[in-house]
Amino acid sequence: MAGYKVLVIDDSPFIFKAVKRALEPNGFEVVDNAPNGKIGVEMYDKYQPDVITLDVTMPIMDGIETAKALIARAPDVKIIMLSAMGDESLHSQAREIGVKQFIRKPFKPDELLEKVNSLLGE
């Protein structure tokens, strides 16, 4: 899976580091971290990442609004929603707008790698 670019949209620097630790040893390039959805959408345009990890709860623009904006730009964008809460209504909202993968925080590195590979293999 070498050469794939991953963008992290999360207001937690800890999550950015965790995503890097999980994916970079497996050949992924984690290109940047956006601290909110508004910046994340701008970074999407800049980097054109293959996969995005997207936090649900963020300032300025939350994960659902960000996912809507990204999917409007690129309908086949591959997003993995990261959620600290097991909030089913958020999951169903995200599913309705086209998000296919979800992961609970804190996540295990191999769990994230598996979700990323699964999305890329579609």
PDB file of N, CA and C in Angstrom:
ATOM      1  N   MET A   1       0.828  -1.203   0.000  1.00  0.00           N
ATOM      2  CA  MET A   1       0.000   0.000   0.000  1.00  0.00           C
ATOM      3  C   MET A   1       0.869   1.263   0.000  1.00  0.00           C
ATOM      4  N   ALA A   2       2.093   1.133  -0.436  1.00  0.00           N
ATOM      5  CA  ALA A   2       3.023   2.268  -0.387  1.00  0.00           C
ATOM      6  C   ALA A   2       2.548   3.424  -1.264  1.00  0.00           C
ATOM      7  N   GLY A   3       2.874   4.608  -0.813  1.00  0.00           N
ATOM      8  CA  GLY A   3       2.618   5.784  -1.625  1.00  0.00           C
ATOM      9  C   GLY A   3       1.268   6.439  -1.415  1.00  0.00           C
ATOM     10  N   TYR A   4       0.424   5.875  -0.589  1.00  0.00           N
ATOM     11  CA  TYR A   4      -0.868   6.503  -0.330  1.00  0.00           C
ATOM     12  C   TYR A   4      -0.718   7.649   0.666  1.00  0.00           C
ATOM     13  N   LYS A   5      -1.468   8.727   0.437  1.00  0.00           N
ATOM     14  CA  LYS A   5      -1.416   9.895   1.317  1.00  0.00           C
ATOM     15  C   LYS A   5      -2.635   9.918   2.231  1.00  0.00           C
ATOM     16  N   VAL A   6      -2.376  10.223   3.499  1.00  0.00           N
ATOM     17  CA  VAL A   6      -3.437  10.288   4.498  1.00  0.00           C
ATOM     18  C   VAL A   6      -3.417  11.681   5.125  1.00  0.00           C
ATOM     19  N   LEU A   7      -4.596  12.297   5.212  1.00  0.00           N
ATOM     20  CA  LEU A   7      -4.755  13.581   5.883  1.00  0.00           C
ATOM     21  C   LEU A   7      -5.528  13.355   7.177  1.00  0.00           C
ATOM     22  N   VAL A   8      -5.024  13.918   8.263  1.00  0.00           N
ATOM     23  CA  VAL A   8      -5.691  13.821   9.556  1.00  0.00           C
ATOM     24  C   VAL A   8      -6.419  15.147   9.811  1.00  0.00           C
ATOM     25  N   ILE A   9      -7.717  15.068  10.086  1.00  0.00           N
ATOM     26  CA  ILE A   9      -8.480  16.256  10.473  1.00  0.00           C
ATOM     27  C   ILE A   9      -8.972  16.011  11.893  1.00  0.00           C
ATOM     28  N   ASP A  10      -8.250  16.598  12.850  1.00  0.00           N
ATOM     29  CA  ASP A  10      -8.518  16.327  14.261  1.00  0.00           C
ATOM     30  C   ASP A  10      -7.904  17.442  15.090  1.00  0.00           C
ATOM     31  N   ASP A  11      -8.626  17.912  16.100  1.00  0.00           N
ATOM     32  CA  ASP A  11      -8.080  18.982  16.930  1.00  0.00           C
ATOM     33  C   ASP A  11      -7.117  18.469  17.998  1.00  0.00           C
ATOM     34  N   SER A  12      -6.840  17.176  17.996  1.00  0.00           N
ATOM     35  CA  SER A  12      -5.909  16.605  18.968  1.00  0.00           C
ATOM     36  C   SER A  12      -4.581  16.228  18.323  1.00  0.00           C
ATOM     37  N   PRO A  13      -3.482  16.889  18.720  1.00  0.00           N
ATOM     38  CA  PRO A  13      -2.156  16.519  18.195  1.00  0.00           C
ATOM     39  C   PRO A  13      -1.810  15.072  18.545  1.00  0.00           C
ATOM     40  N   PHE A  14      -2.345  14.577  19.657  1.00  0.00           N
ATOM     41  CA  PHE A  14      -2.093  13.193  20.063  1.00  0.00           C
ATOM     42  C   PHE A  14      -2.607  12.212  19.005  1.00  0.00           C
ATOM     43  N   ILE A  15      -3.796  12.484  18.471  1.00  0.00           N
ATOM     44  CA  ILE A  15      -4.381  11.596  17.451  1.00  0.00           C
ATOM     45  C   ILE A  15      -3.548  11.631  16.179  1.00  0.00           C
ATOM     46  N   PHE A  16      -3.088  12.817  15.789  1.00  0.00           N
ATOM     47  CA  PHE A  16      -2.215  12.944  14.610  1.00  0.00           C
ATOM     48  C   PHE A  16      -0.985  12.045  14.777  1.00  0.00           C
ATOM     49  N   LYS A  17      -0.351  12.112  15.957  1.00  0.00           N
ATOM     50  CA  LYS A  17       0.832  11.281  16.220  1.00  0.00           C
ATOM     51  C   LYS A  17       0.466   9.796  16.182  1.00  0.00           C
ATOM     52  N   ALA A  18      -0.694   9.450  16.743  1.00  0.00           N
ATOM     53  CA  ALA A  18      -1.124   8.044  16.771  1.00  0.00           C
ATOM     54  C   ALA A  18      -1.371   7.520  15.359  1.00  0.00           C
ATOM     55  N   VAL A  19      -1.965   8.349  14.500  1.00  0.00           N
ATOM     56  CA  VAL A  19      -2.216   7.946  13.109  1.00  0.00           C
ATOM     57  C   VAL A  19      -0.879   7.757  12.387  1.00  0.00           C
ATOM     58  N   LYS A  20       0.047   8.702  12.583  1.00  0.00           N
ATOM     59  CA  LYS A  20       1.385   8.585  11.968  1.00  0.00           C
ATOM     60  C   LYS A  20       2.066   7.283  12.404  1.00  0.00           C
ATOM     61  N   ARG A  21       2.031   7.025  13.723  1.00  0.00           N
ATOM     62  CA  ARG A  21       2.680   5.809  14.254  1.00  0.00           C
ATOM     63  C   ARG A  21       2.056   4.544  13.687  1.00  0.00           C
ATOM     64  N   ALA A  22       0.738   4.578  13.457  1.00  0.00           N
ATOM     65  CA  ALA A  22       0.048   3.382  12.953  1.00  0.00           C
ATOM     66  C   ALA A  22       0.317   3.160  11.463  1.00  0.00           C
ATOM     67  N   LEU A  23       0.388   4.245  10.686  1.00  0.00           N
ATOM     68  CA  LEU A  23       0.389   4.099   9.225  1.00  0.00           C
ATOM     69  C   LEU A  23       1.755   4.258   8.547  1.00  0.00           C
ATOM     70  N   GLU A  24       2.590   5.162   9.041  1.00  0.00           N
ATOM     71  CA  GLU A  24       3.848   5.426   8.331  1.00  0.00           C
ATOM     72  C   GLU A  24       4.784   4.220   8.243  1.00  0.00           C
ATOM     73  N   PRO A  25       4.891   3.381   9.299  1.00  0.00           N
ATOM     74  CA  PRO A  25       5.745   2.191   9.155  1.00  0.00           C
ATOM     75  C   PRO A  25       5.225   1.225   8.078  1.00  0.00           C
ATOM     76  N   ASN A  26       3.978   1.405   7.664  1.00  0.00           N
ATOM     77  CA  ASN A  26       3.376   0.543   6.645  1.00  0.00           C
ATOM     78  C   ASN A  26       3.357   1.204   5.278  1.00  0.00           C
ATOM     79  N   GLY A  27       4.161   2.244   5.101  1.00  0.00           N
ATOM     80  CA  GLY A  27       4.338   2.830   3.780  1.00  0.00           C
ATOM     81  C   GLY A  27       3.408   3.978   3.431  1.00  0.00           C
ATOM     82  N   PHE A  28       2.559   4.379   4.351  1.00  0.00           N
ATOM     83  CA  PHE A  28       1.670   5.515   4.086  1.00  0.00           C
ATOM     84  C   PHE A  28       2.391   6.820   4.404  1.00  0.00           C
ATOM     85  N   GLU A  29       1.995   7.885   3.726  1.00  0.00           N
ATOM     86  CA  GLU A  29       2.517   9.202   4.043  1.00  0.00           C
ATOM     87  C   GLU A  29       1.393   9.998   4.707  1.00  0.00           C
ATOM     88  N   VAL A  30       1.571  10.312   5.994  1.00  0.00           N
ATOM     89  CA  VAL A  30       0.588  11.130   6.703  1.00  0.00           C
ATOM     90  C   VAL A  30       1.007  12.577   6.465  1.00  0.00           C
ATOM     91  N   VAL A  31       0.260  13.258   5.570  1.00  0.00           N
ATOM     92  CA  VAL A  31       0.735  14.526   5.009  1.00  0.00           C
ATOM     93  C   VAL A  31       0.594  15.724   5.941  1.00  0.00           C
ATOM     94  N   ASP A  32      -0.452  15.761   6.759  1.00  0.00           N
ATOM     95  CA  ASP A  32      -0.654  16.939   7.602  1.00  0.00           C
ATOM     96  C   ASP A  32      -1.782  16.688   8.585  1.00  0.00           C
ATOM     97  N   ASN A  33      -1.954  17.637   9.505  1.00  0.00           N
ATOM     98  CA  ASN A  33      -3.042  17.581  10.467  1.00  0.00           C
ATOM     99  C   ASN A  33      -3.791  18.908  10.453  1.00  0.00           C
ATOM    100  N   ALA A  34      -5.086  18.869  10.195  1.00  0.00           N
ATOM    101  CA  ALA A  34      -5.921  20.067  10.256  1.00  0.00           C
ATOM    102  C   ALA A  34      -6.601  20.107  11.616  1.00  0.00           C
ATOM    103  N   PRO A  35      -6.512  21.232  12.340  1.00  0.00           N
ATOM    104  CA  PRO A  35      -7.100  21.311  13.673  1.00  0.00           C
ATOM    105  C   PRO A  35      -8.612  21.511  13.670  1.00  0.00           C
ATOM    106  N   ASN A  36      -9.189  21.776  12.498  1.00  0.00           N
ATOM    107  CA  ASN A  36     -10.654  21.865  12.398  1.00  0.00           C
ATOM    108  C   ASN A  36     -11.074  21.574  10.959  1.00  0.00           C
ATOM    109  N   GLY A  37     -12.375  21.406  10.776  1.00  0.00           N
ATOM    110  CA  GLY A  37     -12.891  21.001   9.471  1.00  0.00           C
ATOM    111  C   GLY A  37     -12.683  22.025   8.378  1.00  0.00           C
ATOM    112  N   LYS A  38     -12.773  23.303   8.718  1.00  0.00           N
ATOM    113  CA  LYS A  38     -12.600  24.358   7.713  1.00  0.00           C
ATOM    114  C   LYS A  38     -11.201  24.268   7.092  1.00  0.00           C
ATOM    115  N   ILE A  39     -10.197  24.163   7.954  1.00  0.00           N
ATOM    116  CA  ILE A  39      -8.818  24.025   7.474  1.00  0.00           C
ATOM    117  C   ILE A  39      -8.647  22.670   6.768  1.00  0.00           C
ATOM    118  N   GLY A  40      -9.327  21.648   7.282  1.00  0.00           N
ATOM    119  CA  GLY A  40      -9.253  20.322   6.674  1.00  0.00           C
ATOM    120  C   GLY A  40      -9.699  20.315   5.226  1.00  0.00           C
ATOM    121  N   VAL A  41     -10.778  21.030   4.936  1.00  0.00           N
ATOM    122  CA  VAL A  41     -11.279  21.095   3.555  1.00  0.00           C
ATOM    123  C   VAL A  41     -10.253  21.803   2.662  1.00  0.00           C
ATOM    124  N   GLU A  42      -9.638  22.880   3.178  1.00  0.00           N
ATOM    125  CA  GLU A  42      -8.589  23.569   2.414  1.00  0.00           C
ATOM    126  C   GLU A  42      -7.393  22.639   2.177  1.00  0.00           C
ATOM    127  N   MET A  43      -7.014  21.878   3.209  1.00  0.00           N
ATOM    128  CA  MET A  43      -5.886  20.949   3.067  1.00  0.00           C
ATOM    129  C   MET A  43      -6.216  19.824   2.097  1.00  0.00           C
ATOM    130  N   TYR A  44      -7.482  19.416   2.054  1.00  0.00           N
ATOM    131  CA  TYR A  44      -7.874  18.386   1.089  1.00  0.00           C
ATOM    132  C   TYR A  44      -7.554  18.871  -0.322  1.00  0.00           C
ATOM    133  N   ASP A  45      -7.926  20.122  -0.610  1.00  0.00           N
ATOM    134  CA  ASP A  45      -7.661  20.686  -1.936  1.00  0.00           C
ATOM    135  C   ASP A  45      -6.161  20.725  -2.230  1.00  0.00           C
ATOM    136  N   LYS A  46      -5.375  21.037  -1.210  1.00  0.00           N
ATOM    137  CA  LYS A  46      -3.926  21.160  -1.379  1.00  0.00           C
ATOM    138  C   LYS A  46      -3.257  19.794  -1.603  1.00  0.00           C
ATOM    139  N   TYR A  47      -3.605  18.798  -0.767  1.00  0.00           N
ATOM    140  CA  TYR A  47      -2.898  17.511  -0.776  1.00  0.00           C
ATOM    141  C   TYR A  47      -3.551  16.430  -1.623  1.00  0.00           C
ATOM    142  N   GLN A  48      -4.857  16.524  -1.868  1.00  0.00           N
ATOM    143  CA  GLN A  48      -5.585  15.446  -2.556  1.00  0.00           C
ATOM    144  C   GLN A  48      -5.253  14.077  -1.940  1.00  0.00           C
ATOM    145  N   PRO A  49      -5.502  13.914  -0.635  1.00  0.00           N
ATOM    146  CA  PRO A  49      -5.128  12.655   0.023  1.00  0.00           C
ATOM    147  C   PRO A  49      -5.996  11.481  -0.443  1.00  0.00           C
ATOM    148  N   ASP A  50      -5.441  10.277  -0.291  1.00  0.00           N
ATOM    149  CA  ASP A  50      -6.180   9.064  -0.654  1.00  0.00           C
ATOM    150  C   ASP A  50      -7.185   8.693   0.428  1.00  0.00           C
ATOM    151  N   VAL A  51      -6.841   8.996   1.671  1.00  0.00           N
ATOM    152  CA  VAL A  51      -7.698   8.676   2.813  1.00  0.00           C
ATOM    153  C   VAL A  51      -7.656   9.843   3.804  1.00  0.00           C
ATOM    154  N   ILE A  52      -8.786  10.080   4.478  1.00  0.00           N
ATOM    155  CA  ILE A  52      -8.861  11.104   5.514  1.00  0.00           C
ATOM    156  C   ILE A  52      -9.342  10.454   6.794  1.00  0.00           C
ATOM    157  N   THR A  53      -8.646  10.728   7.909  1.00  0.00           N
ATOM    158  CA  THR A  53      -9.213  10.379   9.208  1.00  0.00           C
ATOM    159  C   THR A  53      -9.834  11.664   9.737  1.00  0.00           C
ATOM    160  N   LEU A  54     -11.069  11.559  10.181  1.00  0.00           N
ATOM    161  CA  LEU A  54     -11.852  12.738  10.509  1.00  0.00           C
ATOM    162  C   LEU A  54     -12.477  12.608  11.895  1.00  0.00           C
ATOM    163  N   ASP A  55     -12.136  13.548  12.762  1.00  0.00           N
ATOM    164  CA  ASP A  55     -12.713  13.577  14.112  1.00  0.00           C
ATOM    165  C   ASP A  55     -14.155  14.054  14.023  1.00  0.00           C
ATOM    166  N   VAL A  56     -15.008  13.550  14.900  1.00  0.00           N
ATOM    167  CA  VAL A  56     -16.402  13.978  14.921  1.00  0.00           C
ATOM    168  C   VAL A  56     -16.539  15.329  15.624  1.00  0.00           C
ATOM    169  N   THR A  57     -15.911  15.459  16.792  1.00  0.00           N
ATOM    170  CA  THR A  57     -16.098  16.649  17.618  1.00  0.00           C
ATOM    171  C   THR A  57     -14.906  17.590  17.482  1.00  0.00           C
ATOM    172  N   MET A  58     -15.113  18.716  16.789  1.00  0.00           N
ATOM    173  CA  MET A  58     -14.048  19.706  16.584  1.00  0.00           C
ATOM    174  C   MET A  58     -14.646  21.105  16.631  1.00  0.00           C
ATOM    175  N   PRO A  59     -13.792  22.103  16.890  1.00  0.00           N
ATOM    176  CA  PRO A  59     -14.273  23.481  16.832  1.00  0.00           C
ATOM    177  C   PRO A  59     -14.499  23.935  15.384  1.00  0.00           C
ATOM    178  N   ILE A  60     -15.212  25.006  15.203  1.00  0.00           N
ATOM    179  CA  ILE A  60     -15.478  25.684  13.924  1.00  0.00           C
ATOM    180  C   ILE A  60     -16.372  24.879  12.988  1.00  0.00           C
ATOM    181  N   MET A  61     -15.916  23.688  12.595  1.00  0.00           N
ATOM    182  CA  MET A  61     -16.699  22.857  11.677  1.00  0.00           C
ATOM    183  C   MET A  61     -16.565  21.419  12.160  1.00  0.00           C
ATOM    184  N   ASP A  62     -17.656  20.793  12.610  1.00  0.00           N
ATOM    185  CA  ASP A  62     -17.557  19.432  13.159  1.00  0.00           C
ATOM    186  C   ASP A  62     -17.376  18.391  12.048  1.00  0.00           C
ATOM    187  N   GLY A  63     -17.215  17.152  12.460  1.00  0.00           N
ATOM    188  CA  GLY A  63     -16.930  16.079  11.515  1.00  0.00           C
ATOM    189  C   GLY A  63     -18.027  15.856  10.486  1.00  0.00           C
ATOM    190  N   ILE A  64     -19.283  15.969  10.896  1.00  0.00           N
ATOM    191  CA  ILE A  64     -20.395  15.752   9.965  1.00  0.00           C
ATOM    192  C   ILE A  64     -20.397  16.845   8.892  1.00  0.00           C
ATOM    193  N   GLU A  65     -20.283  18.108   9.304  1.00  0.00           N
ATOM    194  CA  GLU A  65     -20.237  19.224   8.341  1.00  0.00           C
ATOM    195  C   GLU A  65     -19.035  19.096   7.415  1.00  0.00           C
ATOM    196  N   THR A  66     -17.896  18.712   7.988  1.00  0.00           N
ATOM    197  CA  THR A  66     -16.674  18.544   7.197  1.00  0.00           C
ATOM    198  C   THR A  66     -16.845  17.424   6.176  1.00  0.00           C
ATOM    199  N   ALA A  67     -17.402  16.302   6.614  1.00  0.00           N
ATOM    200  CA  ALA A  67     -17.626  15.174   5.694  1.00  0.00           C
ATOM    201  C   ALA A  67     -18.538  15.603   4.543  1.00  0.00           C
ATOM    202  N   LYS A  68     -19.606  16.348   4.865  1.00  0.00           N
ATOM    203  CA  LYS A  68     -20.517  16.840   3.810  1.00  0.00           C
ATOM    204  C   LYS A  68     -19.759  17.687   2.799  1.00  0.00           C
ATOM    205  N   ALA A  69     -18.928  18.603   3.301  1.00  0.00           N
ATOM    206  CA  ALA A  69     -18.164  19.496   2.417  1.00  0.00           C
ATOM    207  C   ALA A  69     -17.182  18.706   1.554  1.00  0.00           C
ATOM    208  N   LEU A  70     -16.521  17.718   2.152  1.00  0.00           N
ATOM    209  CA  LEU A  70     -15.542  16.913   1.402  1.00  0.00           C
ATOM    210  C   LEU A  70     -16.232  16.064   0.337  1.00  0.00           C
ATOM    211  N   ILE A  71     -17.350  15.440   0.706  1.00  0.00           N
ATOM    212  CA  ILE A  71     -18.074  14.575  -0.227  1.00  0.00           C
ATOM    213  C   ILE A  71     -18.679  15.398  -1.362  1.00  0.00           C
ATOM    214  N   ALA A  72     -19.089  16.633  -1.066  1.00  0.00           N
ATOM    215  CA  ALA A  72     -19.605  17.520  -2.120  1.00  0.00           C
ATOM    216  C   ALA A  72     -18.504  17.825  -3.140  1.00  0.00           C
ATOM    217  N   ARG A  73     -17.261  17.953  -2.654  1.00  0.00           N
ATOM    218  CA  ARG A  73     -16.109  18.232  -3.528  1.00  0.00           C
ATOM    219  C   ARG A  73     -15.672  17.005  -4.308  1.00  0.00           C
ATOM    220  N   ALA A  74     -15.639  15.879  -3.611  1.00  0.00           N
ATOM    221  CA  ALA A  74     -15.105  14.635  -4.179  1.00  0.00           C
ATOM    222  C   ALA A  74     -15.975  13.480  -3.696  1.00  0.00           C
ATOM    223  N   PRO A  75     -17.003  13.125  -4.462  1.00  0.00           N
ATOM    224  CA  PRO A  75     -17.971  12.111  -4.004  1.00  0.00           C
ATOM    225  C   PRO A  75     -17.351  10.768  -3.616  1.00  0.00           C
ATOM    226  N   ASP A  76     -16.184  10.439  -4.157  1.00  0.00           N
ATOM    227  CA  ASP A  76     -15.577   9.141  -3.819  1.00  0.00           C
ATOM    228  C   ASP A  76     -14.475   9.269  -2.769  1.00  0.00           C
ATOM    229  N   VAL A  77     -14.436  10.404  -2.052  1.00  0.00           N
ATOM    230  CA  VAL A  77     -13.439  10.597  -1.001  1.00  0.00           C
ATOM    231  C   VAL A  77     -13.574   9.483   0.045  1.00  0.00           C
ATOM    232  N   LYS A  78     -12.433   9.016   0.534  1.00  0.00           N
ATOM    233  CA  LYS A  78     -12.427   7.918   1.503  1.00  0.00           C
ATOM    234  C   LYS A  78     -12.170   8.488   2.896  1.00  0.00           C
ATOM    235  N   ILE A  79     -13.199   8.408   3.738  1.00  0.00           N
ATOM    236  CA  ILE A  79     -13.145   8.999   5.076  1.00  0.00           C
ATOM    237  C   ILE A  79     -13.327   7.918   6.139  1.00  0.00           C
ATOM    238  N   ILE A  80     -12.480   7.988   7.167  1.00  0.00           N
ATOM    239  CA  ILE A  80     -12.675   7.171   8.366  1.00  0.00           C
ATOM    240  C   ILE A  80     -13.000   8.141   9.498  1.00  0.00           C
ATOM    241  N   MET A  81     -14.208   8.025  10.052  1.00  0.00           N
ATOM    242  CA  MET A  81     -14.625   8.874  11.167  1.00  0.00           C
ATOM    243  C   MET A  81     -14.037   8.335  12.462  1.00  0.00           C
ATOM    244  N   LEU A  82     -13.407   9.211  13.233  1.00  0.00           N
ATOM    245  CA  LEU A  82     -12.895   8.845  14.542  1.00  0.00           C
ATOM    246  C   LEU A  82     -13.810   9.460  15.590  1.00  0.00           C
ATOM    247  N   SER A  83     -14.265   8.648  16.507  1.00  0.00           N
ATOM    248  CA  SER A  83     -15.190   9.144  17.502  1.00  0.00           C
ATOM    249  C   SER A  83     -14.839   8.613  18.880  1.00  0.00           C
ATOM    250  N   ALA A  84     -14.783   9.512  19.839  1.00  0.00           N
ATOM    251  CA  ALA A  84     -14.550   9.093  21.224  1.00  0.00           C
ATOM    252  C   ALA A  84     -15.842   8.570  21.839  1.00  0.00           C
ATOM    253  N   MET A  85     -16.950   9.037  21.299  1.00  0.00           N
ATOM    254  CA  MET A  85     -18.246   8.619  21.831  1.00  0.00           C
ATOM    255  C   MET A  85     -18.811   7.529  20.938  1.00  0.00           C
ATOM    256  N   GLY A  86     -19.522   6.610  21.513  1.00  0.00           N
ATOM    257  CA  GLY A  86     -20.166   5.593  20.692  1.00  0.00           C
ATOM    258  C   GLY A  86     -21.522   6.106  20.247  1.00  0.00           C
ATOM    259  N   ASP A  87     -21.557   7.304  19.721  1.00  0.00           N
ATOM    260  CA  ASP A  87     -22.815   7.968  19.400  1.00  0.00           C
ATOM    261  C   ASP A  87     -23.417   7.438  18.107  1.00  0.00           C
ATOM    262  N   GLU A  88     -24.397   6.573  18.253  1.00  0.00           N
ATOM    263  CA  GLU A  88     -25.003   5.929  17.089  1.00  0.00           C
ATOM    264  C   GLU A  88     -25.703   6.906  16.151  1.00  0.00           C
ATOM    265  N   SER A  89     -26.291   7.976  16.706  1.00  0.00           N
ATOM    266  CA  SER A  89     -26.990   8.915  15.825  1.00  0.00           C
ATOM    267  C   SER A  89     -25.985   9.634  14.923  1.00  0.00           C
ATOM    268  N   LEU A  90     -24.794   9.915  15.458  1.00  0.00           N
ATOM    269  CA  LEU A  90     -23.739  10.512  14.628  1.00  0.00           C
ATOM    270  C   LEU A  90     -23.294   9.531  13.552  1.00  0.00           C
ATOM    271  N   HIS A  91     -23.142   8.275  13.931  1.00  0.00           N
ATOM    272  CA  HIS A  91     -22.742   7.258  12.955  1.00  0.00           C
ATOM    273  C   HIS A  91     -23.761   7.156  11.832  1.00  0.00           C
ATOM    274  N   SER A  92     -25.045   7.148  12.189  1.00  0.00           N
ATOM    275  CA  SER A  92     -26.048   7.003  11.138  1.00  0.00           C
ATOM    276  C   SER A  92     -26.111   8.258  10.270  1.00  0.00           C
ATOM    277  N   GLN A  93     -25.931   9.438  10.886  1.00  0.00           N
ATOM    278  CA  GLN A  93     -25.856  10.681  10.097  1.00  0.00           C
ATOM    279  C   GLN A  93     -24.695  10.601   9.109  1.00  0.00           C
ATOM    280  N   ALA A  94     -23.536  10.183   9.610  1.00  0.00           N
ATOM    281  CA  ALA A  94     -22.340  10.094   8.771  1.00  0.00           C
ATOM    282  C   ALA A  94     -22.540   9.063   7.660  1.00  0.00           C
ATOM    283  N   ARG A  95     -23.150   7.923   8.006  1.00  0.00           N
ATOM    284  CA  ARG A  95     -23.417   6.888   6.992  1.00  0.00           C
ATOM    285  C   ARG A  95     -24.317   7.430   5.890  1.00  0.00           C
ATOM    286  N   GLU A  96     -25.352   8.177   6.288  1.00  0.00           N
ATOM    287  CA  GLU A  96     -26.295   8.737   5.313  1.00  0.00           C
ATOM    288  C   GLU A  96     -25.615   9.649   4.301  1.00  0.00           C
ATOM    289  N   ILE A  97     -24.570  10.368   4.737  1.00  0.00           N
ATOM    290  CA  ILE A  97     -23.896  11.265   3.792  1.00  0.00           C
ATOM    291  C   ILE A  97     -22.748  10.589   3.045  1.00  0.00           C
ATOM    292  N   GLY A  98     -22.479   9.317   3.363  1.00  0.00           N
ATOM    293  CA  GLY A  98     -21.505   8.568   2.560  1.00  0.00           C
ATOM    294  C   GLY A  98     -20.235   8.130   3.256  1.00  0.00           C
ATOM    295  N   VAL A  99     -20.135   8.314   4.572  1.00  0.00           N
ATOM    296  CA  VAL A  99     -18.955   7.827   5.296  1.00  0.00           C
ATOM    297  C   VAL A  99     -19.131   6.327   5.529  1.00  0.00           C
ATOM    298  N   LYS A 100     -18.101   5.540   5.176  1.00  0.00           N
ATOM    299  CA  LYS A 100     -18.243   4.087   5.243  1.00  0.00           C
ATOM    300  C   LYS A 100     -17.535   3.449   6.440  1.00  0.00           C
ATOM    301  N   GLN A 101     -16.527   4.118   6.970  1.00  0.00           N
ATOM    302  CA  GLN A 101     -15.738   3.502   8.043  1.00  0.00           C
ATOM    303  C   GLN A 101     -15.738   4.357   9.297  1.00  0.00           C
ATOM    304  N   PHE A 102     -15.788   3.674  10.446  1.00  0.00           N
ATOM    305  CA  PHE A 102     -15.783   4.342  11.745  1.00  0.00           C
ATOM    306  C   PHE A 102     -14.803   3.641  12.653  1.00  0.00           C
ATOM    307  N   ILE A 103     -14.219   4.383  13.547  1.00  0.00           N
ATOM    308  CA  ILE A 103     -13.297   3.792  14.504  1.00  0.00           C
ATOM    309  C   ILE A 103     -13.458   4.549  15.822  1.00  0.00           C
ATOM    310  N   ARG A 104     -13.457   3.809  16.921  1.00  0.00           N
ATOM    311  CA  ARG A 104     -13.599   4.434  18.244  1.00  0.00           C
ATOM    312  C   ARG A 104     -12.221   4.859  18.740  1.00  0.00           C
ATOM    313  N   LYS A 105     -12.171   6.021  19.398  1.00  0.00           N
ATOM    314  CA  LYS A 105     -10.939   6.426  20.072  1.00  0.00           C
ATOM    315  C   LYS A 105     -11.020   5.924  21.505  1.00  0.00           C
ATOM    316  N   PRO A 106      -9.931   5.507  22.083  1.00  0.00           N
ATOM    317  CA  PRO A 106      -8.623   5.332  21.451  1.00  0.00           C
ATOM    318  C   PRO A 106      -8.628   4.079  20.573  1.00  0.00           C
ATOM    319  N   PHE A 107      -7.902   4.135  19.469  1.00  0.00           N
ATOM    320  CA  PHE A 107      -7.884   2.988  18.553  1.00  0.00           C
ATOM    321  C   PHE A 107      -6.549   2.254  18.630  1.00  0.00           C
ATOM    322  N   LYS A 108      -6.570   1.014  18.212  1.00  0.00           N
ATOM    323  CA  LYS A 108      -5.342   0.228  18.129  1.00  0.00           C
ATOM    324  C   LYS A 108      -4.748   0.459  16.735  1.00  0.00           C
ATOM    325  N   PRO A 109      -3.418   0.581  16.627  1.00  0.00           N
ATOM    326  CA  PRO A 109      -2.793   0.840  15.326  1.00  0.00           C
ATOM    327  C   PRO A 109      -3.208  -0.147  14.237  1.00  0.00           C
ATOM    328  N   ASP A 110      -3.277  -1.454  14.581  1.00  0.00           N
ATOM    329  CA  ASP A 110      -3.633  -2.434  13.552  1.00  0.00           C
ATOM    330  C   ASP A 110      -5.095  -2.302  13.127  1.00  0.00           C
ATOM    331  N   GLU A 111      -5.936  -1.807  14.025  1.00  0.00           N
ATOM    332  CA  GLU A 111      -7.349  -1.580  13.694  1.00  0.00           C
ATOM    333  C   GLU A 111      -7.458  -0.462  12.650  1.00  0.00           C
ATOM    334  N   LEU A 112      -6.712   0.625  12.847  1.00  0.00           N
ATOM    335  CA  LEU A 112      -6.721   1.734  11.893  1.00  0.00           C
ATOM    336  C   LEU A 112      -6.162   1.276  10.550  1.00  0.00           C
ATOM    337  N   LEU A 113      -5.048   0.567  10.580  1.00  0.00           N
ATOM    338  CA  LEU A 113      -4.425   0.071   9.345  1.00  0.00           C
ATOM    339  C   LEU A 113      -5.399  -0.804   8.557  1.00  0.00           C
ATOM    340  N   GLU A 114      -6.108  -1.671   9.265  1.00  0.00           N
ATOM    341  CA  GLU A 114      -7.084  -2.554   8.631  1.00  0.00           C
ATOM    342  C   GLU A 114      -8.209  -1.752   7.950  1.00  0.00           C
ATOM    343  N   LYS A 115      -8.722  -0.719   8.637  1.00  0.00           N
ATOM    344  CA  LYS A 115      -9.799   0.114   8.070  1.00  0.00           C
ATOM    345  C   LYS A 115      -9.305   0.872   6.833  1.00  0.00           C
ATOM    346  N   VAL A 116      -8.092   1.414   6.911  1.00  0.00           N
ATOM    347  CA  VAL A 116      -7.519   2.152   5.775  1.00  0.00           C
ATOM    348  C   VAL A 116      -7.359   1.220   4.578  1.00  0.00           C
ATOM    349  N   ASN A 117      -6.761   0.059   4.820  1.00  0.00           N
ATOM    350  CA  ASN A 117      -6.557  -0.906   3.725  1.00  0.00           C
ATOM    351  C   ASN A 117      -7.881  -1.360   3.126  1.00  0.00           C
ATOM    352  N   SER A 118      -8.886  -1.545   3.983  1.00  0.00           N
ATOM    353  CA  SER A 118     -10.206  -1.970   3.524  1.00  0.00           C
ATOM    354  C   SER A 118     -10.815  -0.888   2.614  1.00  0.00           C
ATOM    355  N   LEU A 119     -10.715   0.383   3.011  1.00  0.00           N
ATOM    356  CA  LEU A 119     -11.241   1.471   2.198  1.00  0.00           C
ATOM    357  C   LEU A 119     -10.526   1.547   0.850  1.00  0.00           C
ATOM    358  N   LEU A 120      -9.205   1.419   0.880  1.00  0.00           N
ATOM    359  CA  LEU A 120      -8.420   1.532  -0.355  1.00  0.00           C
ATOM    360  C   LEU A 120      -8.661   0.347  -1.291  1.00  0.00           C
ATOM    361  N   GLY A 121      -9.060  -0.777  -0.699  1.00  0.00           N
ATOM    362  CA  GLY A 121      -9.294  -1.976  -1.498  1.00  0.00           C
ATOM    363  C   GLY A 121     -10.650  -2.028  -2.163  1.00  0.00           C
ATOM    364  N   GLU A 122     -11.524  -1.045  -1.865  1.00  0.00           N
ATOM    365  CA  GLU A 122     -12.891  -1.067  -2.416  1.00  0.00           C
ATOM    366  C   GLU A 122     -12.899  -0.911  -3.921  1.00  0.00           C
TER     367      GLU A 122
END
